[in-house]
Amino acid sequence: MALPSKSAPCWQKLANGGLKKLRTTNLGAQMLSQRLEMSKLTPAQKADEVYDFFVKWERGLANEIAQLSSI
């Protein structure tokens, strides 16, 4: 499954607490979720970071990518 475009609303949703809703065993995704929760970045910056993470680790995040449409 291909990643949604960078302008897709799922990235904003993930950045604003949606990462906690993903069922994941990926340690990197879990750590990103915790770090963003405590971060003082703007929502747009958080969304960019989430998108960049998914682009970089796309091959190992098939389960998480499949869940993006339900967020």
PDB file of N, CA and C in Angstrom:
ATOM      1  N   MET A   1       0.841  -1.177   0.000  1.00  0.00           N
ATOM      2  CA  MET A   1       0.000   0.000   0.000  1.00  0.00           C
ATOM      3  C   MET A   1       0.889   1.243   0.000  1.00  0.00           C
ATOM      4  N   ALA A   2       0.533   2.204  -0.820  1.00  0.00           N
ATOM      5  CA  ALA A   2       1.324   3.427  -0.931  1.00  0.00           C
ATOM      6  C   ALA A   2       0.955   4.419   0.165  1.00  0.00           C
ATOM      7  N   LEU A   3       1.929   5.238   0.499  1.00  0.00           N
ATOM      8  CA  LEU A   3       1.684   6.288   1.495  1.00  0.00           C
ATOM      9  C   LEU A   3       0.790   7.374   0.913  1.00  0.00           C
ATOM     10  N   PRO A   4      -0.103   7.919   1.726  1.00  0.00           N
ATOM     11  CA  PRO A   4      -0.883   9.080   1.282  1.00  0.00           C
ATOM     12  C   PRO A   4       0.058  10.270   1.051  1.00  0.00           C
ATOM     13  N   SER A   5      -0.392  11.229   0.267  1.00  0.00           N
ATOM     14  CA  SER A   5       0.429  12.408  -0.008  1.00  0.00           C
ATOM     15  C   SER A   5       0.683  13.184   1.281  1.00  0.00           C
ATOM     16  N   LYS A   6       1.693  14.029   1.230  1.00  0.00           N
ATOM     17  CA  LYS A   6       2.070  14.801   2.417  1.00  0.00           C
ATOM     18  C   LYS A   6       0.945  15.727   2.866  1.00  0.00           C
ATOM     19  N   SER A   7       0.063  16.104   1.965  1.00  0.00           N
ATOM     20  CA  SER A   7      -1.035  17.009   2.314  1.00  0.00           C
ATOM     21  C   SER A   7      -2.277  16.277   2.824  1.00  0.00           C
ATOM     22  N   ALA A   8      -2.228  14.956   2.890  1.00  0.00           N
ATOM     23  CA  ALA A   8      -3.379  14.174   3.361  1.00  0.00           C
ATOM     24  C   ALA A   8      -3.650  14.473   4.840  1.00  0.00           C
ATOM     25  N   PRO A   9      -4.915  14.512   5.236  1.00  0.00           N
ATOM     26  CA  PRO A   9      -5.262  14.855   6.624  1.00  0.00           C
ATOM     27  C   PRO A   9      -4.809  13.824   7.659  1.00  0.00           C
ATOM     28  N   CYS A  10      -4.490  12.620   7.225  1.00  0.00           N
ATOM     29  CA  CYS A  10      -4.089  11.598   8.198  1.00  0.00           C
ATOM     30  C   CYS A  10      -2.821  11.990   8.955  1.00  0.00           C
ATOM     31  N   TRP A  11      -1.920  12.761   8.321  1.00  0.00           N
ATOM     32  CA  TRP A  11      -0.674  13.143   8.987  1.00  0.00           C
ATOM     33  C   TRP A  11      -0.938  14.105  10.136  1.00  0.00           C
ATOM     34  N   GLN A  12      -1.878  15.048   9.939  1.00  0.00           N
ATOM     35  CA  GLN A  12      -2.260  15.946  11.026  1.00  0.00           C
ATOM     36  C   GLN A  12      -2.910  15.162  12.164  1.00  0.00           C
ATOM     37  N   LYS A  13      -3.758  14.212  11.798  1.00  0.00           N
ATOM     38  CA  LYS A  13      -4.433  13.401  12.820  1.00  0.00           C
ATOM     39  C   LYS A  13      -3.423  12.587  13.627  1.00  0.00           C
ATOM     40  N   LEU A  14      -2.454  11.998  12.929  1.00  0.00           N
ATOM     41  CA  LEU A  14      -1.424  11.219  13.624  1.00  0.00           C
ATOM     42  C   LEU A  14      -0.606  12.108  14.549  1.00  0.00           C
ATOM     43  N   ALA A  15      -0.268  13.291  14.067  1.00  0.00           N
ATOM     44  CA  ALA A  15       0.561  14.212  14.850  1.00  0.00           C
ATOM     45  C   ALA A  15      -0.170  14.730  16.085  1.00  0.00           C
ATOM     46  N   ASN A  16      -1.486  14.745  16.052  1.00  0.00           N
ATOM     47  CA  ASN A  16      -2.278  15.274  17.165  1.00  0.00           C
ATOM     48  C   ASN A  16      -2.891  14.167  18.007  1.00  0.00           C
ATOM     49  N   GLY A  17      -2.131  13.117  18.249  1.00  0.00           N
ATOM     50  CA  GLY A  17      -2.572  12.056  19.139  1.00  0.00           C
ATOM     51  C   GLY A  17      -2.990  10.773  18.452  1.00  0.00           C
ATOM     52  N   GLY A  18      -3.091  10.796  17.149  1.00  0.00           N
ATOM     53  CA  GLY A  18      -3.511   9.605  16.418  1.00  0.00           C
ATOM     54  C   GLY A  18      -2.504   8.475  16.445  1.00  0.00           C
ATOM     55  N   LEU A  19      -1.237   8.804  16.669  1.00  0.00           N
ATOM     56  CA  LEU A  19      -0.230   7.737  16.744  1.00  0.00           C
ATOM     57  C   LEU A  19      -0.538   6.782  17.888  1.00  0.00           C
ATOM     58  N   LYS A  20      -1.153   7.287  18.941  1.00  0.00           N
ATOM     59  CA  LYS A  20      -1.505   6.432  20.081  1.00  0.00           C
ATOM     60  C   LYS A  20      -2.576   5.413  19.702  1.00  0.00           C
ATOM     61  N   LYS A  21      -3.358   5.721  18.656  1.00  0.00           N
ATOM     62  CA  LYS A  21      -4.443   4.832  18.230  1.00  0.00           C
ATOM     63  C   LYS A  21      -3.957   3.716  17.317  1.00  0.00           C
ATOM     64  N   LEU A  22      -2.756   3.863  16.758  1.00  0.00           N
ATOM     65  CA  LEU A  22      -2.221   2.823  15.881  1.00  0.00           C
ATOM     66  C   LEU A  22      -1.851   1.584  16.685  1.00  0.00           C
ATOM     67  N   ARG A  23      -2.211   0.447  16.159  1.00  0.00           N
ATOM     68  CA  ARG A  23      -1.745  -0.805  16.753  1.00  0.00           C
ATOM     69  C   ARG A  23      -0.393  -1.104  16.113  1.00  0.00           C
ATOM     70  N   THR A  24       0.658  -0.977  16.909  1.00  0.00           N
ATOM     71  CA  THR A  24       1.999  -1.152  16.364  1.00  0.00           C
ATOM     72  C   THR A  24       2.910  -1.868  17.344  1.00  0.00           C
ATOM     73  N   THR A  25       3.805  -2.640  16.782  1.00  0.00           N
ATOM     74  CA  THR A  25       4.874  -3.235  17.577  1.00  0.00           C
ATOM     75  C   THR A  25       6.208  -2.602  17.201  1.00  0.00           C
ATOM     76  N   ASN A  26       6.159  -1.605  16.319  1.00  0.00           N
ATOM     77  CA  ASN A  26       7.356  -0.923  15.860  1.00  0.00           C
ATOM     78  C   ASN A  26       7.841   0.026  16.950  1.00  0.00           C
ATOM     79  N   LEU A  27       9.003  -0.245  17.480  1.00  0.00           N
ATOM     80  CA  LEU A  27       9.550   0.552  18.577  1.00  0.00           C
ATOM     81  C   LEU A  27       9.768   2.004  18.167  1.00  0.00           C
ATOM     82  N   GLY A  28      10.227   2.225  16.951  1.00  0.00           N
ATOM     83  CA  GLY A  28      10.448   3.589  16.479  1.00  0.00           C
ATOM     84  C   GLY A  28       9.163   4.404  16.466  1.00  0.00           C
ATOM     85  N   ALA A  29       8.082   3.808  16.017  1.00  0.00           N
ATOM     86  CA  ALA A  29       6.787   4.495  15.985  1.00  0.00           C
ATOM     87  C   ALA A  29       6.296   4.790  17.397  1.00  0.00           C
ATOM     88  N   GLN A  30       6.522   3.860  18.307  1.00  0.00           N
ATOM     89  CA  GLN A  30       6.121   4.067  19.699  1.00  0.00           C
ATOM     90  C   GLN A  30       6.920   5.212  20.323  1.00  0.00           C
ATOM     91  N   MET A  31       8.207   5.241  20.036  1.00  0.00           N
ATOM     92  CA  MET A  31       9.058   6.308  20.585  1.00  0.00           C
ATOM     93  C   MET A  31       8.698   7.663  19.971  1.00  0.00           C
ATOM     94  N   LEU A  32       8.404   7.681  18.680  1.00  0.00           N
ATOM     95  CA  LEU A  32       7.996   8.917  18.023  1.00  0.00           C
ATOM     96  C   LEU A  32       6.716   9.449  18.659  1.00  0.00           C
ATOM     97  N   SER A  33       5.785   8.572  18.911  1.00  0.00           N
ATOM     98  CA  SER A  33       4.519   8.964  19.533  1.00  0.00           C
ATOM     99  C   SER A  33       4.746   9.626  20.889  1.00  0.00           C
ATOM    100  N   GLN A  34       5.574   9.019  21.704  1.00  0.00           N
ATOM    101  CA  GLN A  34       5.854   9.579  23.033  1.00  0.00           C
ATOM    102  C   GLN A  34       6.595  10.908  22.941  1.00  0.00           C
ATOM    103  N   ARG A  35       7.546  10.998  22.025  1.00  0.00           N
ATOM    104  CA  ARG A  35       8.325  12.221  21.883  1.00  0.00           C
ATOM    105  C   ARG A  35       7.450  13.375  21.399  1.00  0.00           C
ATOM    106  N   LEU A  36       6.574  13.102  20.434  1.00  0.00           N
ATOM    107  CA  LEU A  36       5.703  14.157  19.925  1.00  0.00           C
ATOM    108  C   LEU A  36       4.691  14.611  20.969  1.00  0.00           C
ATOM    109  N   GLU A  37       4.290  13.699  21.824  1.00  0.00           N
ATOM    110  CA  GLU A  37       3.339  14.042  22.885  1.00  0.00           C
ATOM    111  C   GLU A  37       3.930  15.097  23.820  1.00  0.00           C
ATOM    112  N   MET A  38       5.223  15.029  24.056  1.00  0.00           N
ATOM    113  CA  MET A  38       5.883  15.966  24.963  1.00  0.00           C
ATOM    114  C   MET A  38       6.487  17.172  24.238  1.00  0.00           C
ATOM    115  N   SER A  39       6.466  17.157  22.922  1.00  0.00           N
ATOM    116  CA  SER A  39       7.122  18.182  22.122  1.00  0.00           C
ATOM    117  C   SER A  39       6.351  19.495  22.115  1.00  0.00           C
ATOM    118  N   LYS A  40       7.098  20.573  21.961  1.00  0.00           N
ATOM    119  CA  LYS A  40       6.498  21.904  21.859  1.00  0.00           C
ATOM    120  C   LYS A  40       6.433  22.375  20.408  1.00  0.00           C
ATOM    121  N   LEU A  41       6.638  21.461  19.470  1.00  0.00           N
ATOM    122  CA  LEU A  41       6.547  21.811  18.055  1.00  0.00           C
ATOM    123  C   LEU A  41       5.114  22.182  17.695  1.00  0.00           C
ATOM    124  N   THR A  42       4.972  22.924  16.615  1.00  0.00           N
ATOM    125  CA  THR A  42       3.634  23.256  16.130  1.00  0.00           C
ATOM    126  C   THR A  42       3.007  21.992  15.523  1.00  0.00           C
ATOM    127  N   PRO A  43       1.687  21.959  15.420  1.00  0.00           N
ATOM    128  CA  PRO A  43       1.040  20.790  14.796  1.00  0.00           C
ATOM    129  C   PRO A  43       1.549  20.516  13.385  1.00  0.00           C
ATOM    130  N   ALA A  44       1.822  21.559  12.618  1.00  0.00           N
ATOM    131  CA  ALA A  44       2.333  21.362  11.256  1.00  0.00           C
ATOM    132  C   ALA A  44       3.725  20.735  11.280  1.00  0.00           C
ATOM    133  N   GLN A  45       4.567  21.161  12.214  1.00  0.00           N
ATOM    134  CA  GLN A  45       5.904  20.580  12.330  1.00  0.00           C
ATOM    135  C   GLN A  45       5.826  19.115  12.757  1.00  0.00           C
ATOM    136  N   LYS A  46       4.915  18.821  13.667  1.00  0.00           N
ATOM    137  CA  LYS A  46       4.730  17.433  14.098  1.00  0.00           C
ATOM    138  C   LYS A  46       4.266  16.570  12.933  1.00  0.00           C
ATOM    139  N   ALA A  47       3.320  17.077  12.144  1.00  0.00           N
ATOM    140  CA  ALA A  47       2.814  16.329  10.993  1.00  0.00           C
ATOM    141  C   ALA A  47       3.934  16.067   9.986  1.00  0.00           C
ATOM    142  N   ASP A  48       4.785  17.065   9.757  1.00  0.00           N
ATOM    143  CA  ASP A  48       5.930  16.878   8.858  1.00  0.00           C
ATOM    144  C   ASP A  48       6.859  15.801   9.377  1.00  0.00           C
ATOM    145  N   GLU A  49       7.084  15.789  10.675  1.00  0.00           N
ATOM    146  CA  GLU A  49       7.970  14.795  11.276  1.00  0.00           C
ATOM    147  C   GLU A  49       7.385  13.383  11.156  1.00  0.00           C
ATOM    148  N   VAL A  50       6.095  13.266  11.382  1.00  0.00           N
ATOM    149  CA  VAL A  50       5.430  11.964  11.249  1.00  0.00           C
ATOM    150  C   VAL A  50       5.523  11.484   9.806  1.00  0.00           C
ATOM    151  N   TYR A  51       5.232  12.373   8.867  1.00  0.00           N
ATOM    152  CA  TYR A  51       5.303  12.006   7.457  1.00  0.00           C
ATOM    153  C   TYR A  51       6.722  11.567   7.081  1.00  0.00           C
ATOM    154  N   ASP A  52       7.721  12.341   7.489  1.00  0.00           N
ATOM    155  CA  ASP A  52       9.116  12.002   7.190  1.00  0.00           C
ATOM    156  C   ASP A  52       9.497  10.649   7.773  1.00  0.00           C
ATOM    157  N   PHE A  53       9.019  10.353   8.976  1.00  0.00           N
ATOM    158  CA  PHE A  53       9.289   9.058   9.612  1.00  0.00           C
ATOM    159  C   PHE A  53       8.708   7.927   8.759  1.00  0.00           C
ATOM    160  N   PHE A  54       7.459   8.087   8.338  1.00  0.00           N
ATOM    161  CA  PHE A  54       6.815   7.046   7.542  1.00  0.00           C
ATOM    162  C   PHE A  54       7.484   6.877   6.185  1.00  0.00           C
ATOM    163  N   VAL A  55       7.936   7.963   5.577  1.00  0.00           N
ATOM    164  CA  VAL A  55       8.646   7.864   4.297  1.00  0.00           C
ATOM    165  C   VAL A  55       9.949   7.097   4.490  1.00  0.00           C
ATOM    166  N   LYS A  56      10.687   7.440   5.519  1.00  0.00           N
ATOM    167  CA  LYS A  56      11.987   6.803   5.762  1.00  0.00           C
ATOM    168  C   LYS A  56      11.857   5.313   6.062  1.00  0.00           C
ATOM    169  N   TRP A  57      10.855   4.939   6.857  1.00  0.00           N
ATOM    170  CA  TRP A  57      10.725   3.558   7.318  1.00  0.00           C
ATOM    171  C   TRP A  57       9.554   2.823   6.677  1.00  0.00           C
ATOM    172  N   GLU A  58       9.119   3.276   5.516  1.00  0.00           N
ATOM    173  CA  GLU A  58       7.938   2.733   4.842  1.00  0.00           C
ATOM    174  C   GLU A  58       7.974   1.215   4.703  1.00  0.00           C
ATOM    175  N   ARG A  59       9.106   0.667   4.376  1.00  0.00           N
ATOM    176  CA  ARG A  59       9.203  -0.784   4.150  1.00  0.00           C
ATOM    177  C   ARG A  59       8.899  -1.594   5.401  1.00  0.00           C
ATOM    178  N   GLY A  60       9.168  -1.046   6.570  1.00  0.00           N
ATOM    179  CA  GLY A  60       8.922  -1.767   7.812  1.00  0.00           C
ATOM    180  C   GLY A  60       7.628  -1.390   8.510  1.00  0.00           C
ATOM    181  N   LEU A  61       6.830  -0.546   7.878  1.00  0.00           N
ATOM    182  CA  LEU A  61       5.605  -0.052   8.521  1.00  0.00           C
ATOM    183  C   LEU A  61       4.349  -0.439   7.756  1.00  0.00           C
ATOM    184  N   ALA A  62       4.359  -1.559   7.077  1.00  0.00           N
ATOM    185  CA  ALA A  62       3.209  -1.974   6.257  1.00  0.00           C
ATOM    186  C   ALA A  62       1.936  -2.077   7.102  1.00  0.00           C
ATOM    187  N   ASN A  63       2.034  -2.645   8.303  1.00  0.00           N
ATOM    188  CA  ASN A  63       0.873  -2.783   9.172  1.00  0.00           C
ATOM    189  C   ASN A  63       0.316  -1.423   9.564  1.00  0.00           C
ATOM    190  N   GLU A  64       1.191  -0.509   9.908  1.00  0.00           N
ATOM    191  CA  GLU A  64       0.777   0.820  10.330  1.00  0.00           C
ATOM    192  C   GLU A  64       0.186   1.622   9.164  1.00  0.00           C
ATOM    193  N   ILE A  65       0.785   1.485   7.979  1.00  0.00           N
ATOM    194  CA  ILE A  65       0.291   2.177   6.795  1.00  0.00           C
ATOM    195  C   ILE A  65      -1.107   1.688   6.439  1.00  0.00           C
ATOM    196  N   ALA A  66      -1.348   0.400   6.601  1.00  0.00           N
ATOM    197  CA  ALA A  66      -2.669  -0.152   6.321  1.00  0.00           C
ATOM    198  C   ALA A  66      -3.744   0.438   7.247  1.00  0.00           C
ATOM    199  N   GLN A  67      -3.342   0.915   8.411  1.00  0.00           N
ATOM    200  CA  GLN A  67      -4.283   1.473   9.369  1.00  0.00           C
ATOM    201  C   GLN A  67      -4.578   2.959   9.145  1.00  0.00           C
ATOM    202  N   LEU A  68      -3.815   3.618   8.291  1.00  0.00           N
ATOM    203  CA  LEU A  68      -3.956   5.068   8.110  1.00  0.00           C
ATOM    204  C   LEU A  68      -5.341   5.470   7.641  1.00  0.00           C
ATOM    205  N   SER A  69      -5.990   4.652   6.853  1.00  0.00           N
ATOM    206  CA  SER A  69      -7.312   5.025   6.344  1.00  0.00           C
ATOM    207  C   SER A  69      -8.380   5.016   7.438  1.00  0.00           C
ATOM    208  N   SER A  70      -8.104   4.344   8.542  1.00  0.00           N
ATOM    209  CA  SER A  70      -9.102   4.276   9.621  1.00  0.00           C
ATOM    210  C   SER A  70      -8.877   5.316  10.712  1.00  0.00           C
ATOM    211  N   ILE A  71      -7.921   6.190  10.521  1.00  0.00           N
ATOM    212  CA  ILE A  71      -7.635   7.206  11.548  1.00  0.00           C
ATOM    213  C   ILE A  71      -8.406   8.477  11.250  1.00  0.00           C
TER     214      ILE A  71
END
